[in-house]
Amino acid sequence: MKLHTAGIDKWYTGCNCDVRLLLPHFLEAGINCLFPHEVNSCIHPAQLLNEYGKDLRIMGGFDKLEMIKGKEAI
């Protein structure tokens, strides 16, 4: 792929839902980053990273419902 030859190796998709069943297909297609990873609709990011290792990257991974409570809650 042209982007890979330019050094671009992170491909992401939005995932505000439980994407566990799709993850193997995403990775096979070259999508290797979840953004934003919504913890309320899936599992803790550490569990996904333990399962997929360095093949998967995660951006986000916090409870967005806690954001309205301020920095201390986050």
C-alpha atoms as a PDB file:
ATOM      1  CA  MET A   1       0.000   0.000   0.000  1.00  0.00           C
ATOM      2  CA  LYS A   2       1.171   3.473  -0.813  1.00  0.00           C
ATOM      3  CA  LEU A   3       0.573   4.775   2.726  1.00  0.00           C
ATOM      4  CA  HIS A   4       2.563   1.910   4.249  1.00  0.00           C
ATOM      5  CA  THR A   5       5.520   2.765   2.030  1.00  0.00           C
ATOM      6  CA  ALA A   6       5.273   6.345   3.355  1.00  0.00           C
ATOM      7  CA  GLY A   7       5.588   5.035   6.916  1.00  0.00           C
ATOM      8  CA  ILE A   8       1.911   5.297   7.851  1.00  0.00           C
ATOM      9  CA  ASP A   9       1.077   2.188   9.815  1.00  0.00           C
ATOM     10  CA  LYS A  10      -1.815   3.236  12.063  1.00  0.00           C
ATOM     11  CA  TRP A  11      -5.310   2.868  10.649  1.00  0.00           C
ATOM     12  CA  TYR A  12      -8.236   3.535  12.937  1.00  0.00           C
ATOM     13  CA  THR A  13     -11.974   3.276  13.055  1.00  0.00           C
ATOM     14  CA  GLY A  14     -14.551   4.787  15.377  1.00  0.00           C
ATOM     15  CA  CYS A  15     -15.930   2.295  17.834  1.00  0.00           C
ATOM     16  CA  ASN A  16     -18.601   3.479  20.220  1.00  0.00           C
ATOM     17  CA  CYS A  17     -19.936  -0.046  20.455  1.00  0.00           C
ATOM     18  CA  ASP A  18     -18.757  -3.548  21.262  1.00  0.00           C
ATOM     19  CA  VAL A  19     -16.452  -4.434  18.374  1.00  0.00           C
ATOM     20  CA  ARG A  20     -14.944  -7.623  19.794  1.00  0.00           C
ATOM     21  CA  LEU A  21     -16.529  -9.832  17.114  1.00  0.00           C
ATOM     22  CA  LEU A  22     -15.249  -7.499  14.392  1.00  0.00           C
ATOM     23  CA  LEU A  23     -11.707  -7.054  15.705  1.00  0.00           C
ATOM     24  CA  PRO A  24     -10.163 -10.044  13.926  1.00  0.00           C
ATOM     25  CA  HIS A  25     -11.654  -8.785  10.653  1.00  0.00           C
ATOM     26  CA  PHE A  26     -10.509  -5.211  11.312  1.00  0.00           C
ATOM     27  CA  LEU A  27      -6.957  -6.406  11.946  1.00  0.00           C
ATOM     28  CA  GLU A  28      -7.002  -8.602   8.858  1.00  0.00           C
ATOM     29  CA  ALA A  29      -8.124  -5.590   6.794  1.00  0.00           C
ATOM     30  CA  GLY A  30      -5.357  -3.414   8.240  1.00  0.00           C
ATOM     31  CA  ILE A  31      -7.403  -1.435  10.770  1.00  0.00           C
ATOM     32  CA  ASN A  32      -5.268  -1.626  13.885  1.00  0.00           C
ATOM     33  CA  CYS A  33      -6.473   1.189  16.133  1.00  0.00           C
ATOM     34  CA  LEU A  34      -9.760   1.784  17.953  1.00  0.00           C
ATOM     35  CA  PHE A  35     -10.718   5.441  18.416  1.00  0.00           C
ATOM     36  CA  PRO A  36     -12.387   6.316  20.618  1.00  0.00           C
ATOM     37  CA  HIS A  37     -12.568   3.103  22.566  1.00  0.00           C
ATOM     38  CA  GLU A  38     -15.774   3.392  24.597  1.00  0.00           C
ATOM     39  CA  VAL A  39     -15.423   1.430  27.830  1.00  0.00           C
ATOM     40  CA  ASN A  40     -19.179   1.476  28.520  1.00  0.00           C
ATOM     41  CA  SER A  41     -19.949  -0.564  25.452  1.00  0.00           C
ATOM     42  CA  CYS A  42     -17.081  -3.038  25.457  1.00  0.00           C
ATOM     43  CA  ILE A  43     -14.483  -4.352  27.864  1.00  0.00           C
ATOM     44  CA  HIS A  44     -11.562  -2.651  29.562  1.00  0.00           C
ATOM     45  CA  PRO A  45      -8.848  -1.698  27.059  1.00  0.00           C
ATOM     46  CA  ALA A  46      -6.226  -3.675  29.004  1.00  0.00           C
ATOM     47  CA  GLN A  47      -8.150  -6.892  28.309  1.00  0.00           C
ATOM     48  CA  LEU A  48      -8.152  -6.208  24.569  1.00  0.00           C
ATOM     49  CA  LEU A  49      -4.466  -5.295  24.603  1.00  0.00           C
ATOM     50  CA  ASN A  50      -3.669  -8.469  26.537  1.00  0.00           C
ATOM     51  CA  GLU A  51      -5.500 -10.491  23.906  1.00  0.00           C
ATOM     52  CA  TYR A  52      -4.191  -8.753  20.779  1.00  0.00           C
ATOM     53  CA  GLY A  53      -0.842  -7.417  21.986  1.00  0.00           C
ATOM     54  CA  LYS A  54       0.992  -4.988  19.732  1.00  0.00           C
ATOM     55  CA  ASP A  55      -1.303  -5.759  16.801  1.00  0.00           C
ATOM     56  CA  LEU A  56      -3.917  -3.430  18.334  1.00  0.00           C
ATOM     57  CA  ARG A  57      -3.724   0.190  19.455  1.00  0.00           C
ATOM     58  CA  ILE A  58      -6.365   1.980  21.500  1.00  0.00           C
ATOM     59  CA  MET A  59      -7.050   5.692  21.778  1.00  0.00           C
ATOM     60  CA  GLY A  60      -9.418   6.760  24.528  1.00  0.00           C
ATOM     61  CA  GLY A  61     -10.397   3.986  26.888  1.00  0.00           C
ATOM     62  CA  PHE A  62     -12.016   6.015  29.609  1.00  0.00           C
ATOM     63  CA  ASP A  63     -15.587   6.441  30.736  1.00  0.00           C
ATOM     64  CA  LYS A  64     -16.896   9.480  28.883  1.00  0.00           C
ATOM     65  CA  LEU A  65     -19.834   9.694  31.271  1.00  0.00           C
ATOM     66  CA  GLU A  66     -17.347  10.567  34.024  1.00  0.00           C
ATOM     67  CA  MET A  67     -16.084  13.571  32.053  1.00  0.00           C
ATOM     68  CA  ILE A  68     -19.040  15.702  33.112  1.00  0.00           C
ATOM     69  CA  LYS A  69     -18.003  15.145  36.743  1.00  0.00           C
ATOM     70  CA  GLY A  70     -14.639  16.857  36.208  1.00  0.00           C
ATOM     71  CA  LYS A  71     -10.938  15.984  36.315  1.00  0.00           C
ATOM     72  CA  GLU A  72     -11.014  14.232  39.672  1.00  0.00           C
ATOM     73  CA  ALA A  73     -13.665  11.752  38.505  1.00  0.00           C
ATOM     74  CA  ILE A  74     -11.736  10.960  35.341  1.00  0.00           C
END
